[in-house]
N, C-alpha and C. Protein backbone atom coordinates (compact mmCIF):
# COMPACT_ATOMS: atom_id res chain seq x y z
N UNK A 1 17.52 -26.74 6.06
CA UNK A 1 19.15 -26.31 5.65
C UNK A 1 20.09 -25.68 7.36
N UNK A 2 20.38 -26.83 7.42
CA UNK A 2 21.65 -27.03 8.36
C UNK A 2 22.07 -25.36 9.19
N UNK A 3 22.33 -25.07 10.61
CA UNK A 3 22.68 -24.02 10.39
C UNK A 3 24.52 -24.02 10.00
N UNK A 4 24.76 -23.24 9.82
CA UNK A 4 25.53 -21.99 9.72
C UNK A 4 26.93 -22.49 10.82
N UNK A 5 26.96 -22.76 11.37
CA UNK A 5 27.74 -23.60 12.84
C UNK A 5 28.20 -24.87 12.32
N UNK A 6 26.82 -25.65 12.31
CA UNK A 6 26.73 -26.87 11.89
C UNK A 6 27.71 -27.37 10.28
N UNK A 7 27.60 -26.84 10.04
CA UNK A 7 28.03 -26.71 8.38
C UNK A 7 29.73 -26.08 8.75
N UNK A 8 29.96 -25.38 9.35
CA UNK A 8 31.16 -24.92 9.47
C UNK A 8 31.95 -25.85 10.17
N UNK A 9 31.34 -26.65 11.12
CA UNK A 9 32.14 -27.44 11.93
C UNK A 9 32.60 -29.08 10.50
N UNK A 10 31.51 -29.52 10.40
CA UNK A 10 31.97 -30.19 8.75
C UNK A 10 32.73 -29.74 8.18
N UNK A 11 33.13 -28.10 7.65
CA UNK A 11 34.20 -27.86 6.81
C UNK A 11 34.96 -28.05 7.28
N UNK A 12 35.48 -27.83 8.60
CA UNK A 12 36.33 -28.44 10.05
C UNK A 12 36.86 -29.56 9.92
N UNK A 13 35.46 -30.17 9.87
CA UNK A 13 36.61 -32.12 9.84
C UNK A 13 36.09 -32.17 8.76
N UNK A 14 35.76 -32.20 7.51
CA UNK A 14 36.52 -32.30 6.50
C UNK A 14 38.07 -32.34 6.11
N UNK A 15 38.42 -30.78 6.48
CA UNK A 15 39.78 -30.52 6.60
C UNK A 15 40.59 -30.57 7.22
N UNK A 16 40.52 -31.67 8.37
CA UNK A 16 41.50 -31.96 9.14
C UNK A 16 41.92 -33.75 8.57
N UNK A 17 40.38 -34.49 8.31
CA UNK A 17 41.34 -35.34 7.51
C UNK A 17 41.42 -35.34 6.31
N UNK A 18 41.92 -34.29 5.65
CA UNK A 18 42.54 -34.14 4.38
C UNK A 18 44.17 -33.85 5.05
N UNK A 19 43.55 -33.11 6.44
CA UNK A 19 45.31 -32.73 7.21
C UNK A 19 46.14 -33.62 7.84
N UNK A 20 45.47 -35.06 8.05
CA UNK A 20 46.24 -36.05 8.46
C UNK A 20 46.21 -37.17 7.60
N UNK A 21 45.65 -36.86 6.05
CA UNK A 21 45.99 -37.61 5.38
C UNK A 21 47.24 -37.34 4.40
N UNK A 22 47.17 -35.64 4.67
CA UNK A 22 48.75 -35.68 3.76
C UNK A 22 49.57 -35.67 4.75
N UNK A 23 49.77 -35.78 6.22
CA UNK A 23 50.10 -35.77 7.12
C UNK A 23 50.52 -37.55 6.79
N UNK A 24 49.92 -38.36 7.09
CA UNK A 24 50.23 -39.32 6.71
C UNK A 24 51.29 -40.43 5.53
N UNK A 25 50.48 -39.26 4.79
CA UNK A 25 51.81 -39.35 3.34
C UNK A 25 53.48 -39.06 3.32
N UNK A 26 53.12 -38.25 4.10
CA UNK A 26 54.78 -37.31 3.98
C UNK A 26 55.40 -37.58 5.47
N UNK A 27 54.78 -38.52 6.45
CA UNK A 27 55.44 -38.75 7.87
C UNK A 27 56.59 -39.76 7.17
N UNK A 28 58.03 -39.39 8.02
CA UNK A 28 59.17 -39.77 7.95
C UNK A 28 58.70 -41.75 8.95
N UNK A 29 58.48 -41.57 10.42
CA UNK A 29 58.50 -42.93 11.06
C UNK A 29 57.24 -43.56 10.27
N UNK A 30 57.62 -44.82 10.53
CA UNK A 30 56.34 -45.63 9.80
C UNK A 30 55.42 -45.64 10.81
N UNK A 31 56.25 -46.06 12.16
CA UNK A 31 54.93 -46.04 13.26
C UNK A 31 53.73 -44.46 13.43
N UNK A 32 54.77 -43.14 13.12
CA UNK A 32 53.55 -42.35 12.99
C UNK A 32 53.21 -42.45 11.84
N UNK A 33 53.52 -43.02 10.33
CA UNK A 33 52.53 -42.56 9.46
C UNK A 33 51.06 -43.52 9.73
N UNK A 34 51.65 -45.11 10.93
CA UNK A 34 50.35 -45.79 11.11
C UNK A 34 49.61 -45.26 11.54
N UNK A 35 49.85 -44.83 12.51
CA UNK A 35 49.32 -43.85 13.48
C UNK A 35 48.13 -42.60 12.62
N UNK A 36 48.54 -42.22 12.25
CA UNK A 36 48.40 -41.36 11.89
C UNK A 36 47.26 -42.15 10.84
N UNK A 37 47.31 -42.52 10.13
CA UNK A 37 45.86 -43.19 8.65
C UNK A 37 45.20 -44.04 9.69
N UNK A 38 46.03 -43.93 11.08
CA UNK A 38 44.14 -44.64 12.15
C UNK A 38 43.51 -43.37 12.34
N UNK A 39 44.74 -42.44 12.52
CA UNK A 39 42.98 -41.30 12.96
C UNK A 39 42.79 -40.62 11.86
N UNK A 40 43.00 -40.46 11.08
CA UNK A 40 42.57 -40.00 9.77
C UNK A 40 40.86 -41.09 9.50
N UNK A 41 41.31 -42.94 9.68
CA UNK A 41 40.26 -43.54 9.27
C UNK A 41 39.33 -43.21 10.49
N UNK A 42 39.39 -43.08 11.88
CA UNK A 42 38.55 -42.08 12.82
C UNK A 42 37.55 -40.95 12.43
N UNK A 43 38.21 -39.91 11.72
CA UNK A 43 38.24 -38.60 11.94
C UNK A 43 37.17 -38.64 10.39
N UNK A 44 37.50 -39.61 9.82
CA UNK A 44 36.44 -39.60 8.45
C UNK A 44 34.94 -40.24 8.93
N UNK A 45 35.32 -41.42 9.62
CA UNK A 45 33.62 -42.25 10.02
C UNK A 45 33.51 -40.64 10.86
N UNK A 46 34.07 -39.79 11.50
CA UNK A 46 33.45 -38.97 12.18
C UNK A 46 32.13 -38.07 11.02
N UNK A 47 33.31 -37.69 9.81
CA UNK A 47 32.56 -36.59 8.97
C UNK A 47 31.55 -37.07 8.25
N UNK A 48 31.26 -38.68 8.15
CA UNK A 48 30.83 -39.25 7.71
C UNK A 48 29.33 -38.99 8.64
N UNK A 49 29.22 -39.14 9.75
CA UNK A 49 28.28 -38.53 10.62
C UNK A 49 27.46 -37.93 10.37
N UNK A 50 28.39 -36.89 10.51
CA UNK A 50 27.76 -34.84 10.36
C UNK A 50 27.68 -34.74 8.15
N UNK A 51 28.29 -35.31 7.73
CA UNK A 51 27.80 -35.38 6.65
C UNK A 51 26.28 -35.91 6.01
N UNK A 52 25.98 -37.04 6.81
CA UNK A 52 24.43 -37.88 7.47
C UNK A 52 23.68 -37.18 7.74
N UNK A 53 24.18 -36.10 8.68
CA UNK A 53 23.40 -34.72 8.93
C UNK A 53 22.86 -33.82 8.46
N UNK A 54 23.78 -33.74 7.65
CA UNK A 54 23.28 -32.15 6.27
C UNK A 54 22.83 -33.40 5.37
N UNK A 55 22.54 -33.68 5.17
CA UNK A 55 22.00 -35.09 3.69
C UNK A 55 20.46 -34.95 4.39
N UNK A 56 20.37 -35.38 5.84
CA UNK A 56 19.19 -35.59 6.46
C UNK A 56 18.71 -34.29 5.94
N UNK A 57 18.73 -32.96 6.52
CA UNK A 57 19.08 -31.89 6.01
C UNK A 57 18.36 -31.27 4.89
N UNK A 58 18.53 -32.04 3.74
CA UNK A 58 18.80 -32.26 2.54
C UNK A 58 19.51 -30.71 2.41
N UNK A 59 20.97 -30.67 2.85
CA UNK A 59 22.13 -29.88 1.88
C UNK A 59 22.60 -30.97 1.91
N UNK A 60 23.81 -30.36 0.72
CA UNK A 60 24.62 -30.99 0.06
C UNK A 60 26.08 -31.33 1.15
N UNK A 61 26.81 -32.84 0.68
CA UNK A 61 27.64 -33.21 1.19
C UNK A 61 28.35 -32.46 1.54
N UNK A 62 29.41 -32.06 2.70
CA UNK A 62 31.22 -31.58 1.77
C UNK A 62 31.83 -32.94 1.65
N UNK A 63 32.67 -32.67 0.56
CA UNK A 63 33.19 -33.48 0.24
C UNK A 63 34.64 -32.73 -0.50
N UNK A 64 34.75 -31.55 -0.73
CA UNK A 64 36.05 -31.20 -0.58
C UNK A 64 36.04 -29.83 0.61
N UNK A 65 37.68 -29.89 0.72
CA UNK A 65 38.22 -28.51 1.88
C UNK A 65 37.00 -27.50 1.35
N UNK A 66 37.07 -26.74 2.48
CA UNK A 66 36.41 -25.13 2.91
C UNK A 66 37.29 -24.71 1.94
N UNK A 67 38.54 -24.63 2.52
CA UNK A 67 39.23 -23.66 1.48
C UNK A 67 39.58 -22.06 2.21
N UNK A 68 38.90 -21.88 3.04
CA UNK A 68 39.03 -20.65 3.56
C UNK A 68 39.04 -20.57 5.11
N UNK A 69 39.27 -19.81 6.19
CA UNK A 69 39.78 -19.64 6.99
C UNK A 69 40.92 -20.49 7.08
N UNK A 70 40.99 -20.09 8.73
CA UNK A 70 41.80 -20.93 9.71
C UNK A 70 41.88 -22.33 9.66
N UNK A 71 41.08 -22.85 9.79
CA UNK A 71 41.08 -24.17 9.72
C UNK A 71 41.55 -25.39 8.81
N UNK A 72 41.26 -24.15 7.34
CA UNK A 72 42.53 -25.12 5.68
C UNK A 72 43.61 -24.64 6.38
N UNK A 73 43.75 -23.86 6.68
CA UNK A 73 45.29 -22.67 6.57
C UNK A 73 45.95 -23.91 7.89
N UNK A 74 45.33 -23.63 9.37
CA UNK A 74 46.11 -25.25 9.80
C UNK A 74 46.32 -25.94 9.63
N UNK A 75 45.25 -27.10 9.16
CA UNK A 75 45.28 -28.75 8.59
C UNK A 75 46.59 -28.25 7.10
N UNK A 76 46.98 -27.34 6.75
CA UNK A 76 47.95 -27.11 5.59
C UNK A 76 49.06 -26.83 6.30
N UNK A 77 49.19 -26.32 7.72
CA UNK A 77 50.23 -26.50 8.07
C UNK A 77 50.42 -27.20 8.79
N UNK A 78 49.88 -28.25 9.03
CA UNK A 78 50.04 -29.62 9.14
C UNK A 78 50.75 -30.36 8.75
N UNK A 79 50.21 -30.30 7.62
CA UNK A 79 50.71 -31.54 6.24
C UNK A 79 51.81 -31.17 5.74
N UNK A 80 51.85 -29.95 5.67
CA UNK A 80 54.14 -29.35 5.12
C UNK A 80 54.73 -29.33 6.20
N UNK A 81 54.25 -29.43 7.57
CA UNK A 81 55.20 -29.44 8.84
C UNK A 81 56.48 -31.21 8.33
N UNK A 82 55.53 -31.62 7.58
CA UNK A 82 56.15 -33.57 7.82
C UNK A 82 57.25 -33.80 6.68
N UNK A 83 57.47 -32.52 5.88
CA UNK A 83 58.65 -32.13 5.25
C UNK A 83 59.96 -31.92 5.90
N UNK A 84 59.50 -30.78 6.68
CA UNK A 84 60.86 -31.20 8.23
C UNK A 84 61.25 -31.87 9.00
N UNK A 85 60.20 -32.50 9.22
CA UNK A 85 60.90 -33.35 10.56
C UNK A 85 59.26 -33.84 11.53
N UNK A 86 59.72 -35.52 12.24
CA UNK A 86 58.60 -35.42 12.89
C UNK A 86 58.21 -34.96 13.88
N UNK A 87 59.05 -33.83 14.42
CA UNK A 87 59.02 -33.67 15.54
C UNK A 87 57.76 -31.85 15.02
N UNK A 88 58.08 -31.51 14.45
CA UNK A 88 57.08 -30.39 13.71
C UNK A 88 56.68 -31.01 13.19
N UNK A 89 55.74 -31.85 12.83
CA UNK A 89 54.94 -32.16 12.59
C UNK A 89 54.05 -32.68 13.83
N UNK A 90 54.07 -33.42 14.58
CA UNK A 90 53.79 -33.58 16.31
C UNK A 90 53.18 -32.05 15.88
N UNK A 91 53.87 -31.81 16.99
CA UNK A 91 53.36 -29.92 17.17
C UNK A 91 52.29 -29.66 16.49
N UNK A 92 52.51 -29.79 15.37
CA UNK A 92 51.51 -28.76 14.33
C UNK A 92 49.71 -29.73 14.32
N UNK A 93 50.31 -30.84 14.52
CA UNK A 93 49.25 -31.87 14.76
C UNK A 93 48.30 -31.78 15.71
N UNK A 94 49.34 -31.34 17.38
CA UNK A 94 48.87 -30.90 17.98
C UNK A 94 47.46 -29.57 18.13
N UNK A 95 49.19 -28.91 17.35
CA UNK A 95 48.18 -27.61 17.48
C UNK A 95 46.72 -27.46 16.77
N UNK A 96 46.90 -28.24 15.19
CA UNK A 96 45.26 -28.89 14.87
C UNK A 96 43.96 -29.50 15.53
N UNK A 97 44.52 -30.27 16.73
CA UNK A 97 43.38 -31.12 17.04
C UNK A 97 43.01 -29.87 18.46
N UNK A 98 44.20 -29.64 19.02
CA UNK A 98 44.05 -27.71 20.01
C UNK A 98 42.63 -27.31 19.21
N UNK A 99 43.14 -26.32 17.89
CA UNK A 99 41.32 -25.70 17.29
C UNK A 99 40.60 -26.25 17.26
N UNK A 100 40.74 -27.83 16.78
CA UNK A 100 39.27 -28.71 16.15
C UNK A 100 38.30 -28.45 17.70
N UNK A 101 39.02 -29.35 18.81
CA UNK A 101 37.96 -29.41 20.66
C UNK A 101 37.58 -28.13 20.16
N UNK A 102 38.02 -26.78 19.84
CA UNK A 102 37.81 -25.74 20.53
C UNK A 102 37.01 -25.19 19.90
N UNK A 103 36.94 -25.29 18.42
CA UNK A 103 35.71 -24.99 17.51
C UNK A 103 34.66 -26.08 18.10
N UNK A 104 34.66 -26.85 17.87
CA UNK A 104 33.15 -28.19 18.37
C UNK A 104 33.02 -27.70 20.33
N UNK A 105 34.13 -26.89 20.88
CA UNK A 105 33.23 -26.45 22.20
C UNK A 105 32.90 -25.57 22.36
N UNK A 106 33.15 -24.55 21.21
CA UNK A 106 32.29 -22.90 21.03
C UNK A 106 30.82 -23.54 20.86
N UNK A 107 30.48 -24.33 19.82
CA UNK A 107 29.29 -24.77 19.12
C UNK A 107 28.17 -25.74 20.56
N UNK A 108 29.19 -25.87 20.89
CA UNK A 108 27.90 -26.73 22.00
C UNK A 108 28.03 -26.01 23.20
N UNK A 109 28.69 -24.63 23.55
CA UNK A 109 28.36 -23.80 24.84
C UNK A 109 27.51 -22.92 23.98
N UNK A 110 27.24 -22.76 22.69
CA UNK A 110 26.41 -21.31 22.30
C UNK A 110 25.03 -22.13 21.94
N UNK A 111 24.28 -21.88 21.76
CA UNK A 111 22.63 -22.22 21.57
C UNK A 111 22.24 -21.93 19.68
N UNK A 112 23.07 -22.32 18.35
CA UNK A 112 22.71 -21.59 17.34
C UNK A 112 22.95 -23.40 16.58
N UNK A 113 23.02 -24.27 17.56
CA UNK A 113 22.35 -25.36 16.79
C UNK A 113 20.98 -25.76 17.13
N UNK A 114 20.40 -26.68 16.28
CA UNK A 114 19.75 -27.73 16.48
C UNK A 114 19.40 -28.58 17.07
N UNK A 115 18.16 -28.82 17.45
CA UNK A 115 18.87 -30.32 18.59
C UNK A 115 19.47 -31.56 17.75
N UNK A 116 18.82 -31.75 16.99
CA UNK A 116 19.45 -32.68 15.86
C UNK A 116 21.05 -32.92 15.38
N UNK A 117 21.24 -31.45 15.14
CA UNK A 117 22.81 -30.94 15.13
C UNK A 117 23.58 -31.56 16.27
N UNK A 118 23.23 -30.88 17.61
CA UNK A 118 23.83 -30.70 18.78
C UNK A 118 23.49 -32.48 19.43
N UNK A 119 23.11 -32.74 18.85
CA UNK A 119 22.69 -34.61 19.70
C UNK A 119 24.54 -35.15 18.38
N UNK A 120 24.39 -34.42 17.07
CA UNK A 120 25.90 -35.45 16.02
C UNK A 120 26.86 -34.72 16.59
N UNK A 121 26.57 -33.39 17.10
CA UNK A 121 28.04 -33.08 17.35
C UNK A 121 28.42 -33.83 18.39
N UNK A 122 27.42 -33.78 19.80
CA UNK A 122 27.51 -33.97 20.92
C UNK A 122 28.77 -35.35 20.56
N UNK A 123 27.87 -36.21 19.64
CA UNK A 123 29.17 -37.38 19.14
C UNK A 123 29.83 -37.07 18.58
N UNK A 124 30.60 -36.16 18.08
CA UNK A 124 31.28 -36.40 17.14
C UNK A 124 32.38 -35.42 18.51
N UNK A 125 32.24 -35.25 19.34
CA UNK A 125 32.82 -34.44 20.01
C UNK A 125 33.97 -35.39 20.81
N UNK A 126 33.04 -36.29 21.04
CA UNK A 126 34.04 -37.50 21.62
C UNK A 126 35.27 -38.32 21.10
N UNK A 127 35.19 -37.83 19.92
CA UNK A 127 35.85 -38.56 18.80
C UNK A 127 37.03 -37.21 18.54
N UNK A 128 36.19 -35.82 18.29
CA UNK A 128 36.74 -34.51 18.46
C UNK A 128 38.34 -35.31 19.98
N UNK A 129 37.78 -35.38 20.85
CA UNK A 129 38.59 -35.03 22.11
C UNK A 129 40.11 -36.22 22.00
N UNK A 130 39.28 -37.59 21.35
CA UNK A 130 40.41 -38.23 21.51
C UNK A 130 41.68 -38.25 20.30
N UNK A 131 41.47 -37.41 19.56
CA UNK A 131 41.93 -36.80 18.48
C UNK A 131 43.03 -35.56 19.54
N UNK A 132 42.39 -35.30 19.92
CA UNK A 132 43.17 -33.83 20.46
C UNK A 132 44.34 -34.92 21.68
N UNK A 133 44.02 -35.55 22.67
CA UNK A 133 44.65 -36.73 23.47
C UNK A 133 45.29 -37.16 22.36
N UNK A 134 45.58 -37.53 21.18
CA UNK A 134 46.65 -38.00 19.76
C UNK A 134 47.04 -36.73 19.73
N UNK A 135 47.20 -36.26 19.99
CA UNK A 135 47.59 -34.83 19.79
C UNK A 135 49.00 -34.65 20.28
N UNK A 136 48.29 -35.06 22.17
CA UNK A 136 49.53 -34.09 23.04
C UNK A 136 50.22 -35.49 22.80
N UNK A 137 49.85 -36.76 22.81
CA UNK A 137 50.28 -38.06 22.87
C UNK A 137 51.46 -37.61 21.86
N UNK A 138 51.37 -37.09 20.77
CA UNK A 138 52.60 -37.49 20.05
C UNK A 138 53.63 -36.17 20.20
N UNK A 139 53.17 -35.80 20.83
CA UNK A 139 53.77 -34.34 21.04
C UNK A 139 54.46 -33.97 21.95
N UNK A 140 54.17 -35.26 22.67
CA UNK A 140 55.32 -35.60 23.78
C UNK A 140 56.14 -36.68 23.63
N UNK A 141 55.80 -37.78 22.61
CA UNK A 141 56.74 -38.53 22.33
C UNK A 141 57.36 -37.83 21.13
N UNK A 142 57.38 -36.96 20.24
CA UNK A 142 58.25 -36.76 18.97
C UNK A 142 58.75 -35.69 19.50
N UNK A 143 59.20 -35.05 21.27
CA UNK A 143 59.85 -33.99 21.49
C UNK A 143 60.80 -33.81 21.71
């Protein structure tokens, strides 16, 4: 059985995939739509790696949103921001990426992950950092 921390990170990763997907559907700018789709694809790859670890441990895959906690609300606010303008959306994506990066950093700084989980989280963290840099970039671009 996976640790609670690992399951929570996987839930947050799923929520971020959904946030990117919804944001991409609602974005006005074709360039932003394309960039968000690319990030969504990369985040889906990270989710697949995390789900593979859950499966290895005999747990069920994360295939639906957590519908609880701050992560879901954060990504919902990101996607709803695209209903107004790209600038607001870019700011929300940046906030969401800061949130998920902080959550991964907290897990890596703690000692609640099993060795194999830690290895998966460390690998996923690299992509999460790319997402955080993307959030910063689009926030500057659409500011």
